[in-house]
Amino acid sequence: MPLSSTDQDRLAKLLAMFSSSHDGEVANAARMAEKLVKARGETWDNVIKHNGNHQQPSPPKPRTPYPWKAAVDECMEWEDHLTAWENEFLESLAERSVHKPLTVKQEVALNKIIAKIDTLKGMNW
């Protein structure tokens, strides 16, 4: 059974007691934490890795504010105002399958280009 939010709060308080300068308090907190985890039918591995949730966490959603393919297409219209590297990067993304998500590094680079173009748009190029 996954740990309830009450159990998680209690476990956090017990773990905080591990920093006590009193050895007996540390040992008692460790025993109580172990008892709590075992009483819920959990293992420390599952509690630490999955917070008591037996399902794997879902992957993060793309951080680009709108579909990246549309962003790439729009950015490519500004090729005269971009560096050679930025244009090559956009071309490589344009050839990429829309179903293959961007890496975090690619999203960061694309967002920098988007910000640059947003600045250019404000200058009425």
N, C-alpha and C. Protein backbone atom coordinates (compact mmCIF):
# COMPACT_ATOMS: atom_id res chain seq x y z
N MET A 1 0.85 -1.18 0.00
CA MET A 1 0.00 0.00 0.00
C MET A 1 0.90 1.24 0.00
N PRO A 2 0.67 2.17 -0.91
CA PRO A 2 1.48 3.39 -0.95
C PRO A 2 1.32 4.19 0.35
N LEU A 3 2.33 4.97 0.67
CA LEU A 3 2.26 5.79 1.87
C LEU A 3 1.29 6.95 1.66
N SER A 4 0.44 7.17 2.65
CA SER A 4 -0.49 8.30 2.58
C SER A 4 0.31 9.59 2.84
N SER A 5 -0.32 10.71 2.58
CA SER A 5 0.38 11.98 2.83
C SER A 5 0.68 12.13 4.32
N THR A 6 -0.19 11.61 5.17
CA THR A 6 0.06 11.65 6.62
C THR A 6 1.28 10.80 6.96
N ASP A 7 1.37 9.61 6.35
CA ASP A 7 2.53 8.74 6.58
C ASP A 7 3.80 9.40 6.06
N GLN A 8 3.71 10.04 4.91
CA GLN A 8 4.89 10.71 4.34
C GLN A 8 5.36 11.83 5.26
N ASP A 9 4.41 12.60 5.82
CA ASP A 9 4.78 13.67 6.75
C ASP A 9 5.44 13.10 8.00
N ARG A 10 4.85 12.03 8.52
CA ARG A 10 5.42 11.41 9.72
C ARG A 10 6.81 10.87 9.45
N LEU A 11 7.00 10.22 8.29
CA LEU A 11 8.30 9.68 7.94
C LEU A 11 9.33 10.81 7.78
N ALA A 12 8.91 11.92 7.20
CA ALA A 12 9.82 13.06 7.04
C ALA A 12 10.27 13.58 8.40
N LYS A 13 9.35 13.63 9.36
CA LYS A 13 9.70 14.10 10.70
C LYS A 13 10.65 13.12 11.39
N LEU A 14 10.40 11.83 11.20
CA LEU A 14 11.30 10.83 11.77
C LEU A 14 12.69 10.92 11.16
N LEU A 15 12.76 11.10 9.86
CA LEU A 15 14.06 11.19 9.20
C LEU A 15 14.80 12.45 9.62
N ALA A 16 14.07 13.52 9.89
CA ALA A 16 14.71 14.76 10.36
C ALA A 16 15.37 14.55 11.72
N MET A 17 14.83 13.63 12.49
CA MET A 17 15.40 13.35 13.81
C MET A 17 16.76 12.65 13.71
N PHE A 18 17.13 12.15 12.53
CA PHE A 18 18.43 11.50 12.35
C PHE A 18 19.57 12.49 12.57
N SER A 19 19.31 13.77 12.51
CA SER A 19 20.37 14.77 12.69
C SER A 19 20.56 15.15 14.16
N SER A 20 19.81 14.50 15.05
CA SER A 20 19.93 14.79 16.47
C SER A 20 21.32 14.44 16.99
N SER A 21 21.78 15.19 17.96
CA SER A 21 23.08 14.90 18.57
C SER A 21 22.97 13.82 19.65
N HIS A 22 21.74 13.36 19.89
CA HIS A 22 21.51 12.31 20.90
C HIS A 22 21.34 10.97 20.19
N ASP A 23 22.30 10.08 20.41
CA ASP A 23 22.30 8.79 19.72
C ASP A 23 21.02 7.98 19.96
N GLY A 24 20.50 8.02 21.16
CA GLY A 24 19.28 7.28 21.47
C GLY A 24 18.09 7.78 20.67
N GLU A 25 18.03 9.09 20.48
CA GLU A 25 16.95 9.69 19.70
C GLU A 25 17.05 9.27 18.23
N VAL A 26 18.28 9.24 17.71
CA VAL A 26 18.50 8.82 16.32
C VAL A 26 18.09 7.36 16.15
N ALA A 27 18.53 6.50 17.07
CA ALA A 27 18.21 5.07 16.98
C ALA A 27 16.71 4.84 17.08
N ASN A 28 16.05 5.54 17.99
CA ASN A 28 14.61 5.39 18.15
C ASN A 28 13.87 5.86 16.89
N ALA A 29 14.29 6.98 16.31
CA ALA A 29 13.66 7.48 15.09
C ALA A 29 13.83 6.48 13.95
N ALA A 30 15.01 5.86 13.87
CA ALA A 30 15.26 4.86 12.83
C ALA A 30 14.34 3.65 13.01
N ARG A 31 14.18 3.19 14.25
CA ARG A 31 13.29 2.06 14.52
C ARG A 31 11.84 2.40 14.16
N MET A 32 11.42 3.60 14.53
CA MET A 32 10.05 4.02 14.24
C MET A 32 9.81 4.16 12.73
N ALA A 33 10.80 4.67 12.03
CA ALA A 33 10.68 4.82 10.57
C ALA A 33 10.59 3.44 9.91
N GLU A 34 11.42 2.52 10.35
CA GLU A 34 11.40 1.15 9.82
C GLU A 34 10.06 0.51 10.10
N LYS A 35 9.54 0.68 11.31
CA LYS A 35 8.25 0.11 11.68
C LYS A 35 7.13 0.68 10.80
N LEU A 36 7.15 1.98 10.54
CA LEU A 36 6.14 2.62 9.69
C LEU A 36 6.17 2.05 8.27
N VAL A 37 7.37 1.96 7.71
CA VAL A 37 7.51 1.45 6.33
C VAL A 37 7.04 0.01 6.25
N LYS A 38 7.45 -0.83 7.17
CA LYS A 38 7.06 -2.25 7.16
C LYS A 38 5.56 -2.41 7.40
N ALA A 39 4.98 -1.59 8.28
CA ALA A 39 3.54 -1.69 8.57
C ALA A 39 2.70 -1.39 7.34
N ARG A 40 3.23 -0.60 6.43
CA ARG A 40 2.51 -0.26 5.20
C ARG A 40 2.83 -1.23 4.05
N GLY A 41 3.63 -2.26 4.37
CA GLY A 41 3.97 -3.26 3.36
C GLY A 41 4.92 -2.72 2.29
N GLU A 42 5.67 -1.71 2.65
CA GLU A 42 6.59 -1.09 1.70
C GLU A 42 8.03 -1.51 1.95
N THR A 43 8.88 -1.20 1.00
CA THR A 43 10.31 -1.38 1.17
C THR A 43 10.95 0.00 1.10
N TRP A 44 12.13 0.13 1.66
CA TRP A 44 12.82 1.42 1.59
C TRP A 44 13.14 1.78 0.15
N ASP A 45 13.49 0.80 -0.64
CA ASP A 45 13.78 1.04 -2.05
C ASP A 45 12.60 1.71 -2.74
N ASN A 46 11.40 1.16 -2.53
CA ASN A 46 10.21 1.72 -3.17
C ASN A 46 9.86 3.10 -2.60
N VAL A 47 10.01 3.27 -1.30
CA VAL A 47 9.69 4.56 -0.69
C VAL A 47 10.62 5.65 -1.21
N ILE A 48 11.89 5.33 -1.32
CA ILE A 48 12.87 6.33 -1.77
C ILE A 48 12.76 6.60 -3.26
N LYS A 49 12.69 5.56 -4.06
CA LYS A 49 12.67 5.75 -5.51
C LYS A 49 11.32 6.21 -6.06
N HIS A 50 10.25 5.76 -5.45
CA HIS A 50 8.92 6.03 -6.02
C HIS A 50 7.96 6.67 -5.03
N ASN A 51 8.46 7.09 -3.89
CA ASN A 51 7.63 7.75 -2.89
C ASN A 51 6.42 6.91 -2.51
N GLY A 52 6.63 5.60 -2.47
CA GLY A 52 5.53 4.71 -2.10
C GLY A 52 4.56 4.45 -3.23
N ASN A 53 4.85 4.91 -4.41
CA ASN A 53 3.97 4.72 -5.56
C ASN A 53 4.59 3.63 -6.42
N HIS A 54 3.87 2.56 -6.66
CA HIS A 54 4.42 1.42 -7.39
C HIS A 54 4.54 1.67 -8.89
N GLN A 55 3.92 2.72 -9.39
CA GLN A 55 4.00 3.03 -10.81
C GLN A 55 5.19 3.95 -11.07
N GLN A 56 5.80 3.77 -12.22
CA GLN A 56 6.89 4.65 -12.62
C GLN A 56 6.32 6.03 -12.89
N PRO A 57 7.04 7.09 -12.54
CA PRO A 57 6.53 8.43 -12.84
C PRO A 57 6.45 8.64 -14.34
N SER A 58 5.45 9.41 -14.77
CA SER A 58 5.31 9.66 -16.20
C SER A 58 6.40 10.63 -16.65
N PRO A 59 6.83 10.52 -17.90
CA PRO A 59 7.89 11.41 -18.38
C PRO A 59 7.39 12.85 -18.40
N PRO A 60 8.31 13.80 -18.23
CA PRO A 60 7.89 15.20 -18.23
C PRO A 60 7.32 15.60 -19.59
N LYS A 61 6.37 16.51 -19.55
CA LYS A 61 5.77 17.00 -20.79
C LYS A 61 6.72 18.00 -21.44
N PRO A 62 6.66 18.13 -22.76
CA PRO A 62 7.54 19.10 -23.42
C PRO A 62 7.37 20.49 -22.83
N ARG A 63 8.48 21.19 -22.70
CA ARG A 63 8.46 22.50 -22.07
C ARG A 63 8.29 23.63 -23.07
N THR A 64 8.36 23.35 -24.38
CA THR A 64 8.14 24.39 -25.36
C THR A 64 6.68 24.81 -25.29
N PRO A 65 6.40 26.12 -25.24
CA PRO A 65 5.03 26.57 -25.00
C PRO A 65 4.03 26.21 -26.09
N TYR A 66 4.48 25.87 -27.28
CA TYR A 66 3.57 25.41 -28.31
C TYR A 66 4.29 24.34 -29.11
N PRO A 67 3.59 23.59 -29.93
CA PRO A 67 4.23 22.47 -30.63
C PRO A 67 5.53 22.90 -31.32
N TRP A 68 6.57 22.16 -31.05
CA TRP A 68 7.90 22.57 -31.52
C TRP A 68 8.01 22.62 -33.03
N LYS A 69 7.28 21.79 -33.73
CA LYS A 69 7.38 21.78 -35.19
C LYS A 69 6.90 23.12 -35.76
N ALA A 70 5.80 23.62 -35.22
CA ALA A 70 5.28 24.92 -35.66
C ALA A 70 6.26 26.03 -35.32
N ALA A 71 6.89 25.93 -34.16
CA ALA A 71 7.88 26.93 -33.74
C ALA A 71 9.07 26.93 -34.71
N VAL A 72 9.52 25.75 -35.09
CA VAL A 72 10.64 25.64 -36.03
C VAL A 72 10.26 26.27 -37.37
N ASP A 73 9.07 25.95 -37.86
CA ASP A 73 8.62 26.51 -39.15
C ASP A 73 8.58 28.04 -39.09
N GLU A 74 8.08 28.58 -38.00
CA GLU A 74 8.01 30.03 -37.86
C GLU A 74 9.41 30.64 -37.78
N CYS A 75 10.29 30.01 -37.03
CA CYS A 75 11.66 30.52 -36.89
C CYS A 75 12.40 30.52 -38.21
N MET A 76 12.14 29.51 -39.04
CA MET A 76 12.85 29.42 -40.32
C MET A 76 12.50 30.58 -41.25
N GLU A 77 11.36 31.23 -41.00
CA GLU A 77 10.99 32.39 -41.80
C GLU A 77 11.91 33.59 -41.51
N TRP A 78 12.67 33.52 -40.45
CA TRP A 78 13.56 34.60 -40.04
C TRP A 78 15.02 34.28 -40.33
N GLU A 79 15.27 33.41 -41.29
CA GLU A 79 16.63 32.93 -41.55
C GLU A 79 17.63 34.04 -41.83
N ASP A 80 17.19 35.14 -42.41
CA ASP A 80 18.10 36.24 -42.71
C ASP A 80 18.62 36.93 -41.45
N HIS A 81 17.96 36.72 -40.34
CA HIS A 81 18.33 37.38 -39.09
C HIS A 81 18.99 36.42 -38.09
N LEU A 82 19.22 35.18 -38.52
CA LEU A 82 19.79 34.16 -37.64
C LEU A 82 21.21 33.82 -38.07
N THR A 83 21.97 33.27 -37.15
CA THR A 83 23.34 32.85 -37.47
C THR A 83 23.29 31.57 -38.31
N ALA A 84 24.42 31.24 -38.89
CA ALA A 84 24.51 30.01 -39.69
C ALA A 84 24.20 28.80 -38.81
N TRP A 85 24.73 28.79 -37.58
CA TRP A 85 24.47 27.67 -36.68
C TRP A 85 22.99 27.55 -36.37
N GLU A 86 22.33 28.68 -36.09
CA GLU A 86 20.91 28.65 -35.76
C GLU A 86 20.10 28.12 -36.94
N ASN A 87 20.45 28.55 -38.17
CA ASN A 87 19.73 28.06 -39.35
C ASN A 87 19.95 26.57 -39.56
N GLU A 88 21.19 26.10 -39.37
CA GLU A 88 21.47 24.67 -39.52
C GLU A 88 20.73 23.85 -38.46
N PHE A 89 20.69 24.38 -37.25
CA PHE A 89 19.98 23.71 -36.16
C PHE A 89 18.50 23.59 -36.50
N LEU A 90 17.90 24.69 -36.98
CA LEU A 90 16.48 24.67 -37.33
C LEU A 90 16.22 23.69 -38.47
N GLU A 91 17.11 23.65 -39.45
CA GLU A 91 16.96 22.71 -40.57
C GLU A 91 17.00 21.26 -40.08
N SER A 92 17.90 20.98 -39.13
CA SER A 92 17.98 19.61 -38.60
C SER A 92 16.70 19.24 -37.85
N LEU A 93 16.12 20.23 -37.16
CA LEU A 93 14.86 19.95 -36.46
C LEU A 93 13.71 19.79 -37.43
N ALA A 94 13.72 20.55 -38.52
CA ALA A 94 12.65 20.47 -39.52
C ALA A 94 12.60 19.08 -40.15
N GLU A 95 13.75 18.42 -40.25
CA GLU A 95 13.82 17.08 -40.83
C GLU A 95 13.45 15.99 -39.83
N ARG A 96 13.34 16.35 -38.58
CA ARG A 96 13.06 15.41 -37.50
C ARG A 96 11.58 15.04 -37.49
N SER A 97 11.27 13.82 -37.12
CA SER A 97 9.87 13.37 -37.02
C SER A 97 9.16 14.16 -35.94
N VAL A 98 7.95 14.59 -36.24
CA VAL A 98 7.16 15.35 -35.27
C VAL A 98 6.82 14.50 -34.05
N HIS A 99 6.87 13.21 -34.18
CA HIS A 99 6.53 12.30 -33.09
C HIS A 99 7.71 12.02 -32.16
N LYS A 100 8.89 12.48 -32.55
CA LYS A 100 10.06 12.27 -31.71
C LYS A 100 10.29 13.55 -30.90
N PRO A 101 10.14 13.49 -29.58
CA PRO A 101 10.27 14.69 -28.77
C PRO A 101 11.70 15.24 -28.79
N LEU A 102 11.78 16.54 -28.56
CA LEU A 102 13.09 17.18 -28.50
C LEU A 102 13.76 16.84 -27.18
N THR A 103 15.08 16.84 -27.20
CA THR A 103 15.82 16.69 -25.95
C THR A 103 15.75 18.01 -25.20
N VAL A 104 16.11 17.98 -23.94
CA VAL A 104 16.11 19.20 -23.14
C VAL A 104 17.06 20.22 -23.76
N LYS A 105 18.23 19.76 -24.20
CA LYS A 105 19.23 20.66 -24.80
C LYS A 105 18.67 21.30 -26.08
N GLN A 106 17.97 20.51 -26.89
CA GLN A 106 17.38 21.05 -28.12
C GLN A 106 16.29 22.07 -27.79
N GLU A 107 15.48 21.77 -26.77
CA GLU A 107 14.42 22.71 -26.37
C GLU A 107 15.01 24.03 -25.90
N VAL A 108 16.10 23.95 -25.14
CA VAL A 108 16.74 25.18 -24.65
C VAL A 108 17.23 26.01 -25.83
N ALA A 109 17.89 25.36 -26.79
CA ALA A 109 18.40 26.07 -27.96
C ALA A 109 17.25 26.67 -28.77
N LEU A 110 16.19 25.89 -28.97
CA LEU A 110 15.04 26.39 -29.73
C LEU A 110 14.40 27.57 -29.00
N ASN A 111 14.25 27.48 -27.69
CA ASN A 111 13.66 28.58 -26.93
C ASN A 111 14.50 29.85 -27.00
N LYS A 112 15.83 29.70 -27.08
CA LYS A 112 16.70 30.88 -27.24
C LYS A 112 16.46 31.53 -28.60
N ILE A 113 16.30 30.72 -29.62
CA ILE A 113 16.04 31.26 -30.96
C ILE A 113 14.67 31.94 -30.98
N ILE A 114 13.69 31.32 -30.35
CA ILE A 114 12.34 31.91 -30.27
C ILE A 114 12.41 33.27 -29.58
N ALA A 115 13.15 33.33 -28.47
CA ALA A 115 13.29 34.60 -27.74
C ALA A 115 13.96 35.65 -28.61
N LYS A 116 14.97 35.25 -29.37
CA LYS A 116 15.66 36.18 -30.26
C LYS A 116 14.69 36.73 -31.31
N ILE A 117 13.89 35.84 -31.88
CA ILE A 117 12.93 36.26 -32.90
C ILE A 117 11.84 37.14 -32.28
N ASP A 118 11.41 36.81 -31.08
CA ASP A 118 10.42 37.66 -30.41
C ASP A 118 10.97 39.08 -30.22
N THR A 119 12.27 39.18 -29.90
CA THR A 119 12.90 40.50 -29.77
C THR A 119 12.92 41.20 -31.12
N LEU A 120 13.25 40.46 -32.17
CA LEU A 120 13.27 41.05 -33.53
C LEU A 120 11.88 41.52 -33.95
N LYS A 121 10.87 40.75 -33.60
CA LYS A 121 9.50 41.14 -33.95
C LYS A 121 9.13 42.46 -33.28
N GLY A 122 9.62 42.64 -32.05
CA GLY A 122 9.36 43.88 -31.33
C GLY A 122 10.04 45.07 -31.97
N MET A 123 11.07 44.80 -32.78
CA MET A 123 11.80 45.88 -33.46
C MET A 123 11.18 46.18 -34.81
N ASN A 124 10.12 45.46 -35.17
CA ASN A 124 9.42 45.64 -36.45
C ASN A 124 10.32 45.49 -37.65
N TRP A 125 11.03 44.38 -37.70
CA TRP A 125 11.92 44.12 -38.85
C TRP A 125 11.13 43.90 -40.09
